[in-house]
Amino acid sequence: RTAVAQATRLAVSNMGLGEGLSLASAATWALGVIIYRRLGESLNPIELNVYKNLIVALLMVPTVLLAHGWGLPQLDAWQWCWVIASGVLGIGVADTCYFHALNRLGAGRIGILGNLFSPFVITLSFVFLDERLSLLQGAGFALVMMGVVLVHRRARRPVEGTAPIPWSGLLLGVLAIFLNAAGVVMIKRVLEDGPFFWIAQLRLLAALLPMAIAWHWFARWRKSPPRGVAPPWGLLLLGAFLGQYLAMLLWLGGYRYTDASVASVLNETASVFILLFAWWLLREPLERAKLLGVTLTFAGVSLMLM
């Protein structure tokens, strides 16, 4: 116990700004996922995505004006393309797929599936950003992935009353996580030197158009008439502020101030928070195997910070 406490203190003392922002982003995102799970009971995924990002785009207006003033950002043509593509794919398409998967899989399962994010980012960063993990960071990453494998493991004989995994939700979840990873790797270099809050806002604005088109298409395609019940604005505002506005700024800040590979592994702690919040707030089951996986994940994160 003393050795664990000493290792924890050492990891915290070595934590930089980017690492701290990445961990804080994981906690706020986890809270947002729990709120989105509740909102998914009354809003379809496309409606939820559009409402959420409209609220965040409005919150970003005073943030951008206070931080950067009225002038447009000085970006070259390629930087504009990367930022727009990052918003369309990494937010517009990825979030819509994510909310569909969340409704099908539940908060606990989607939280575990989210651990694919760091392998995707590490692979893309290796290929496109020439980033490399140190030996200690690689060991930490291996521990995190061992935890993921453990919490994914299921008994050969299904437990009575346990629903089978919906494969459509699984595929949508994997696609969402890959696009999210690709979106942040696209703008890593732009984030390092560009106007931070402007880039965050431009990504949101780029995502709104395809989301609005998808919403219009979904409304026409759906046979049942639209619901006449007003959206739960209080819960929607809370989810948008915590799970998107605050989590997004902390998340992008982590990628600005540390390597994308390191930030992505630290973001994996979100799955720990999601599992615990889902057990506490949503009464989703929390098996011993998942708890052991959580322990391995935290051990791996500690190695990443040493």
Protein backbone atom coordinates (compact mmCIF):
# COMPACT_ATOMS: atom_id res chain seq x y z
CA ARG A 1 0.00 0.00 0.00
CA THR A 2 2.91 2.35 0.85
CA ALA A 3 4.59 1.57 -2.48
CA VAL A 4 1.36 2.33 -4.35
CA ALA A 5 0.97 5.63 -2.50
CA GLN A 6 4.57 6.59 -3.27
CA ALA A 7 4.13 5.71 -6.95
CA THR A 8 0.94 7.77 -7.07
CA ARG A 9 2.65 10.80 -5.49
CA LEU A 10 5.55 10.47 -7.93
CA ALA A 11 3.19 10.29 -10.90
CA VAL A 12 1.24 13.34 -9.74
CA SER A 13 4.44 15.34 -9.10
CA ASN A 14 5.64 14.61 -12.65
CA MET A 15 2.32 15.57 -14.23
CA GLY A 16 2.55 18.40 -16.74
CA LEU A 17 -0.17 20.80 -17.90
CA GLY A 18 -1.12 18.65 -20.89
CA GLU A 19 -1.36 15.51 -18.80
CA GLY A 20 -3.49 17.24 -16.15
CA LEU A 21 -5.85 18.64 -18.79
CA SER A 22 -6.22 15.20 -20.38
CA LEU A 23 -7.19 13.59 -17.07
CA ALA A 24 -9.63 16.39 -16.22
CA SER A 25 -11.18 16.01 -19.66
CA ALA A 26 -11.73 12.30 -19.01
CA ALA A 27 -13.64 13.00 -15.79
CA THR A 28 -15.91 15.67 -17.28
CA TRP A 29 -16.54 13.61 -20.42
CA ALA A 30 -17.56 10.65 -18.26
CA LEU A 31 -20.16 12.78 -16.48
CA GLY A 32 -21.41 13.95 -19.86
CA VAL A 33 -21.81 10.36 -21.11
CA ILE A 34 -24.04 9.51 -18.15
CA ILE A 35 -26.18 12.58 -18.84
CA TYR A 36 -26.35 11.74 -22.58
CA ARG A 37 -27.51 8.25 -21.68
CA ARG A 38 -30.47 9.78 -19.84
CA LEU A 39 -31.14 12.21 -22.68
CA GLY A 40 -31.12 9.30 -25.15
CA GLU A 41 -34.36 8.11 -23.55
CA SER A 42 -36.22 11.17 -24.88
CA LEU A 43 -34.11 12.36 -27.86
CA ASN A 44 -32.89 10.40 -30.87
CA PRO A 45 -29.09 10.50 -31.44
CA ILE A 46 -29.19 13.06 -34.27
CA GLU A 47 -31.44 15.44 -32.33
CA LEU A 48 -29.22 15.12 -29.28
CA ASN A 49 -26.08 15.78 -31.34
CA VAL A 50 -27.52 18.88 -33.03
CA TYR A 51 -28.93 20.39 -29.83
CA LYS A 52 -25.71 19.68 -27.92
CA ASN A 53 -23.39 21.23 -30.48
CA LEU A 54 -25.64 24.26 -31.06
CA ILE A 55 -25.51 25.00 -27.33
CA VAL A 56 -21.74 24.58 -27.23
CA ALA A 57 -21.25 26.76 -30.34
CA LEU A 58 -23.21 29.53 -28.60
CA LEU A 59 -21.13 29.12 -25.43
CA MET A 60 -17.96 29.35 -27.52
CA VAL A 61 -18.85 32.78 -28.99
CA PRO A 62 -18.07 34.82 -25.84
CA THR A 63 -15.14 32.50 -25.12
CA VAL A 64 -13.57 33.24 -28.52
CA LEU A 65 -14.24 36.98 -28.27
CA LEU A 66 -12.67 37.22 -24.82
CA ALA A 67 -9.63 35.17 -25.81
CA HIS A 68 -8.93 36.32 -29.38
CA GLY A 69 -11.08 39.37 -30.14
CA TRP A 70 -13.12 39.96 -33.28
CA GLY A 71 -10.49 39.13 -35.92
CA LEU A 72 -10.65 35.89 -37.91
CA PRO A 73 -7.81 33.41 -37.30
CA GLN A 74 -4.76 33.63 -39.53
CA LEU A 75 -4.70 30.14 -41.03
CA ASP A 76 -3.43 29.04 -44.42
CA ALA A 77 -5.58 27.10 -46.88
CA TRP A 78 -4.38 23.68 -45.75
CA GLN A 79 -4.95 24.52 -42.08
CA TRP A 80 -8.52 25.59 -42.87
CA CYS A 81 -9.07 22.28 -44.68
CA TRP A 82 -7.71 20.24 -41.78
CA VAL A 83 -9.82 22.09 -39.21
CA ILE A 84 -13.02 21.75 -41.27
CA ALA A 85 -12.40 18.07 -42.03
CA SER A 86 -11.67 17.47 -38.35
CA GLY A 87 -15.00 19.01 -37.38
CA VAL A 88 -17.07 17.18 -39.99
CA LEU A 89 -15.56 13.75 -39.32
CA GLY A 90 -14.41 14.01 -35.72
CA ILE A 91 -17.57 15.67 -34.38
CA GLY A 92 -20.42 15.60 -36.92
CA VAL A 93 -20.15 12.00 -38.08
CA ALA A 94 -18.34 10.53 -35.05
CA ASP A 95 -20.72 11.92 -32.41
CA THR A 96 -23.82 10.80 -34.31
CA CYS A 97 -22.42 7.26 -34.56
CA TYR A 98 -21.41 7.42 -30.90
CA PHE A 99 -24.88 8.31 -29.64
CA HIS A 100 -26.44 5.54 -31.76
CA ALA A 101 -23.95 3.11 -30.21
CA LEU A 102 -24.59 4.49 -26.71
CA ASN A 103 -28.31 3.77 -27.02
CA ARG A 104 -27.62 0.21 -28.21
CA LEU A 105 -24.74 -0.75 -25.89
CA GLY A 106 -25.31 1.20 -22.68
CA ALA A 107 -22.92 3.55 -20.88
CA GLY A 108 -20.79 0.79 -19.36
CA ARG A 109 -20.11 -1.05 -22.62
CA ILE A 110 -19.50 2.10 -24.66
CA GLY A 111 -17.09 3.28 -21.97
CA ILE A 112 -15.06 0.08 -22.32
CA LEU A 113 -15.18 0.28 -26.11
CA GLY A 114 -13.81 3.82 -25.86
CA ASN A 115 -10.44 2.38 -24.86
CA LEU A 116 -9.81 1.73 -28.55
CA PHE A 117 -9.25 5.49 -28.87
CA SER A 118 -5.61 5.48 -27.72
CA PRO A 119 -4.48 2.62 -30.03
CA PHE A 120 -6.04 4.50 -32.94
CA VAL A 121 -4.36 7.79 -31.95
CA ILE A 122 -0.99 6.14 -31.27
CA THR A 123 -1.07 4.38 -34.65
CA LEU A 124 -2.13 7.50 -36.56
CA SER A 125 0.40 9.66 -34.66
CA PHE A 126 3.16 7.16 -35.44
CA VAL A 127 2.35 7.27 -39.15
CA PHE A 128 1.48 10.96 -39.64
CA LEU A 129 3.13 12.86 -36.74
CA ASP A 130 6.26 10.72 -36.22
CA GLU A 131 5.55 10.37 -32.48
CA ARG A 132 7.08 7.56 -30.41
CA LEU A 133 6.29 6.30 -26.90
CA SER A 134 9.13 5.77 -24.42
CA LEU A 135 9.74 2.32 -22.91
CA LEU A 136 7.97 3.26 -19.66
CA GLN A 137 5.06 4.82 -21.55
CA GLY A 138 4.82 1.71 -23.70
CA ALA A 139 4.60 -0.42 -20.55
CA GLY A 140 1.86 1.85 -19.24
CA PHE A 141 -0.02 1.56 -22.51
CA ALA A 142 0.27 -2.24 -22.35
CA LEU A 143 -1.22 -2.27 -18.84
CA VAL A 144 -4.10 -0.08 -19.97
CA MET A 145 -4.83 -2.42 -22.86
CA MET A 146 -4.64 -5.46 -20.56
CA GLY A 147 -7.29 -3.83 -18.43
CA VAL A 148 -9.44 -3.29 -21.50
CA VAL A 149 -9.11 -6.93 -22.56
CA LEU A 150 -10.00 -8.05 -19.05
CA VAL A 151 -13.14 -5.96 -18.78
CA HIS A 152 -14.22 -7.13 -22.25
CA ARG A 153 -13.85 -10.78 -21.29
CA ARG A 154 -17.15 -12.59 -20.78
CA ALA A 155 -18.05 -16.02 -19.51
CA ARG A 156 -18.52 -18.72 -22.13
CA ARG A 157 -21.98 -19.52 -20.82
CA PRO A 158 -24.23 -16.45 -20.93
CA VAL A 159 -25.65 -15.27 -17.63
CA GLU A 160 -29.42 -15.65 -17.43
CA GLY A 161 -31.14 -12.36 -18.22
CA THR A 162 -28.04 -10.85 -19.91
CA ALA A 163 -28.84 -9.35 -23.29
CA PRO A 164 -26.55 -10.27 -26.23
CA ILE A 165 -24.20 -7.63 -27.62
CA PRO A 166 -25.86 -5.75 -30.52
CA TRP A 167 -23.26 -5.89 -33.28
CA SER A 168 -24.65 -2.84 -35.07
CA GLY A 169 -23.97 -0.80 -31.94
CA LEU A 170 -20.49 -2.30 -31.66
CA LEU A 171 -19.57 -1.39 -35.24
CA LEU A 172 -20.98 2.13 -34.89
CA GLY A 173 -19.02 2.58 -31.66
CA VAL A 174 -15.73 1.50 -33.25
CA LEU A 175 -16.33 3.78 -36.25
CA ALA A 176 -17.12 6.72 -33.96
CA ILE A 177 -13.94 6.23 -31.95
CA PHE A 178 -11.75 5.89 -35.04
CA LEU A 179 -13.16 9.07 -36.60
CA ASN A 180 -12.72 10.92 -33.32
CA ALA A 181 -9.08 9.82 -33.17
CA ALA A 182 -8.48 10.80 -36.80
CA GLY A 183 -10.10 14.19 -36.17
CA VAL A 184 -7.73 15.16 -33.36
CA VAL A 185 -4.61 13.89 -35.16
CA MET A 186 -5.62 16.01 -38.17
CA ILE A 187 -5.39 19.24 -36.16
CA LYS A 188 -2.52 18.41 -33.77
CA ARG A 189 -0.04 20.63 -35.65
CA VAL A 190 -2.60 23.41 -36.10
CA LEU A 191 -3.42 23.33 -32.37
CA GLU A 192 0.23 23.77 -31.38
CA ASP A 193 0.60 27.17 -33.05
CA GLY A 194 -2.92 28.35 -33.93
CA PRO A 195 -5.54 30.30 -31.95
CA PHE A 196 -6.83 27.63 -29.57
CA PHE A 197 -10.43 28.76 -28.97
CA TRP A 198 -10.97 29.75 -32.61
CA ILE A 199 -9.93 26.28 -33.75
CA ALA A 200 -12.31 24.68 -31.25
CA GLN A 201 -15.16 26.89 -32.49
CA LEU A 202 -14.41 26.32 -36.17
CA ARG A 203 -14.52 22.55 -35.64
CA LEU A 204 -17.97 22.89 -34.09
CA LEU A 205 -19.29 25.11 -36.87
CA ALA A 206 -17.94 22.71 -39.51
CA ALA A 207 -19.79 19.86 -37.79
CA LEU A 208 -23.16 21.61 -37.60
CA LEU A 209 -23.99 21.58 -41.33
CA PRO A 210 -23.71 17.79 -41.89
CA MET A 211 -25.53 17.21 -38.60
CA ALA A 212 -28.37 19.51 -39.67
CA ILE A 213 -28.61 17.69 -43.02
CA ALA A 214 -28.72 14.33 -41.23
CA TRP A 215 -31.40 15.62 -38.87
CA HIS A 216 -33.55 16.81 -41.81
CA TRP A 217 -33.08 13.50 -43.63
CA PHE A 218 -33.91 11.50 -40.51
CA ALA A 219 -37.10 13.50 -39.90
CA ARG A 220 -38.31 12.82 -43.46
CA TRP A 221 -37.28 9.16 -43.40
CA ARG A 222 -38.90 8.41 -40.05
CA LYS A 223 -42.49 7.23 -40.48
CA SER A 224 -43.68 8.20 -37.03
CA PRO A 225 -44.49 11.89 -36.46
CA PRO A 226 -42.02 14.01 -34.49
CA ARG A 227 -42.48 14.08 -30.76
CA GLY A 228 -44.49 17.02 -29.45
CA VAL A 229 -42.70 16.99 -26.11
CA ALA A 230 -40.16 19.77 -25.56
CA PRO A 231 -36.54 18.66 -25.05
CA PRO A 232 -35.37 18.42 -21.42
CA TRP A 233 -33.48 21.71 -21.63
CA GLY A 234 -32.06 21.68 -18.10
CA LEU A 235 -30.41 18.29 -18.50
CA LEU A 236 -29.42 19.15 -22.07
CA LEU A 237 -27.66 22.35 -20.95
CA LEU A 238 -25.84 20.50 -18.17
CA GLY A 239 -24.74 17.72 -20.51
CA ALA A 240 -23.60 20.17 -23.20
CA PHE A 241 -21.62 22.26 -20.71
CA LEU A 242 -19.90 19.38 -18.90
CA GLY A 243 -19.69 16.70 -21.56
CA GLN A 244 -18.89 18.88 -24.55
CA TYR A 245 -17.92 22.51 -23.82
CA LEU A 246 -15.71 21.95 -20.78
CA ALA A 247 -14.56 18.45 -21.75
CA MET A 248 -13.72 19.56 -25.31
CA LEU A 249 -11.60 22.51 -24.19
CA LEU A 250 -9.75 20.38 -21.64
CA TRP A 251 -9.35 17.61 -24.23
CA LEU A 252 -7.94 19.87 -26.95
CA GLY A 253 -5.75 21.60 -24.36
CA GLY A 254 -4.24 18.24 -23.47
CA TYR A 255 -3.33 17.63 -27.11
CA ARG A 256 -1.88 21.13 -27.41
CA TYR A 257 0.51 20.78 -24.48
CA THR A 258 1.61 17.13 -24.69
CA ASP A 259 2.12 14.44 -27.33
CA ALA A 260 -1.05 13.10 -28.91
CA SER A 261 -0.02 9.54 -28.01
CA VAL A 262 0.36 10.41 -24.31
CA ALA A 263 -2.85 12.45 -24.16
CA SER A 264 -4.85 9.66 -25.79
CA VAL A 265 -3.74 7.06 -23.24
CA LEU A 266 -4.56 9.40 -20.34
CA ASN A 267 -7.99 9.97 -21.86
CA GLU A 268 -8.59 6.25 -21.30
CA THR A 269 -9.37 6.99 -17.65
CA ALA A 270 -12.75 8.18 -18.91
CA SER A 271 -13.78 4.53 -19.17
CA VAL A 272 -13.04 4.09 -15.46
CA PHE A 273 -15.20 7.06 -14.55
CA ILE A 274 -17.98 5.96 -16.92
CA LEU A 275 -18.10 2.47 -15.41
CA LEU A 276 -18.26 3.85 -11.88
CA PHE A 277 -20.80 6.55 -12.72
CA ALA A 278 -22.92 4.05 -14.69
CA TRP A 279 -22.92 1.73 -11.66
CA TRP A 280 -23.69 4.55 -9.23
CA LEU A 281 -26.19 6.66 -11.20
CA LEU A 282 -27.67 4.26 -13.77
CA ARG A 283 -27.50 1.07 -11.69
CA GLU A 284 -25.63 -0.78 -14.43
CA PRO A 285 -23.84 -3.93 -13.14
CA LEU A 286 -20.16 -3.73 -12.16
CA GLU A 287 -18.50 -7.16 -12.13
CA ARG A 288 -15.25 -8.03 -10.36
CA ALA A 289 -13.47 -8.51 -13.70
CA LYS A 290 -14.26 -4.92 -14.63
CA LEU A 291 -12.95 -3.70 -11.28
CA LEU A 292 -9.68 -5.53 -11.89
CA GLY A 293 -9.55 -3.98 -15.35
CA VAL A 294 -10.03 -0.55 -13.78
CA THR A 295 -7.09 -1.24 -11.44
CA LEU A 296 -4.83 -2.20 -14.34
CA THR A 297 -5.89 0.91 -16.23
CA PHE A 298 -4.96 3.19 -13.33
CA ALA A 299 -1.64 1.37 -12.93
CA GLY A 300 -0.89 1.94 -16.60
CA VAL A 301 -1.78 5.62 -16.35
CA SER A 302 0.59 5.97 -13.37
CA LEU A 303 3.42 4.57 -15.50
CA MET A 304 2.56 7.02 -18.28
CA LEU A 305 3.05 9.92 -15.84
CA MET A 306 6.38 8.78 -14.35
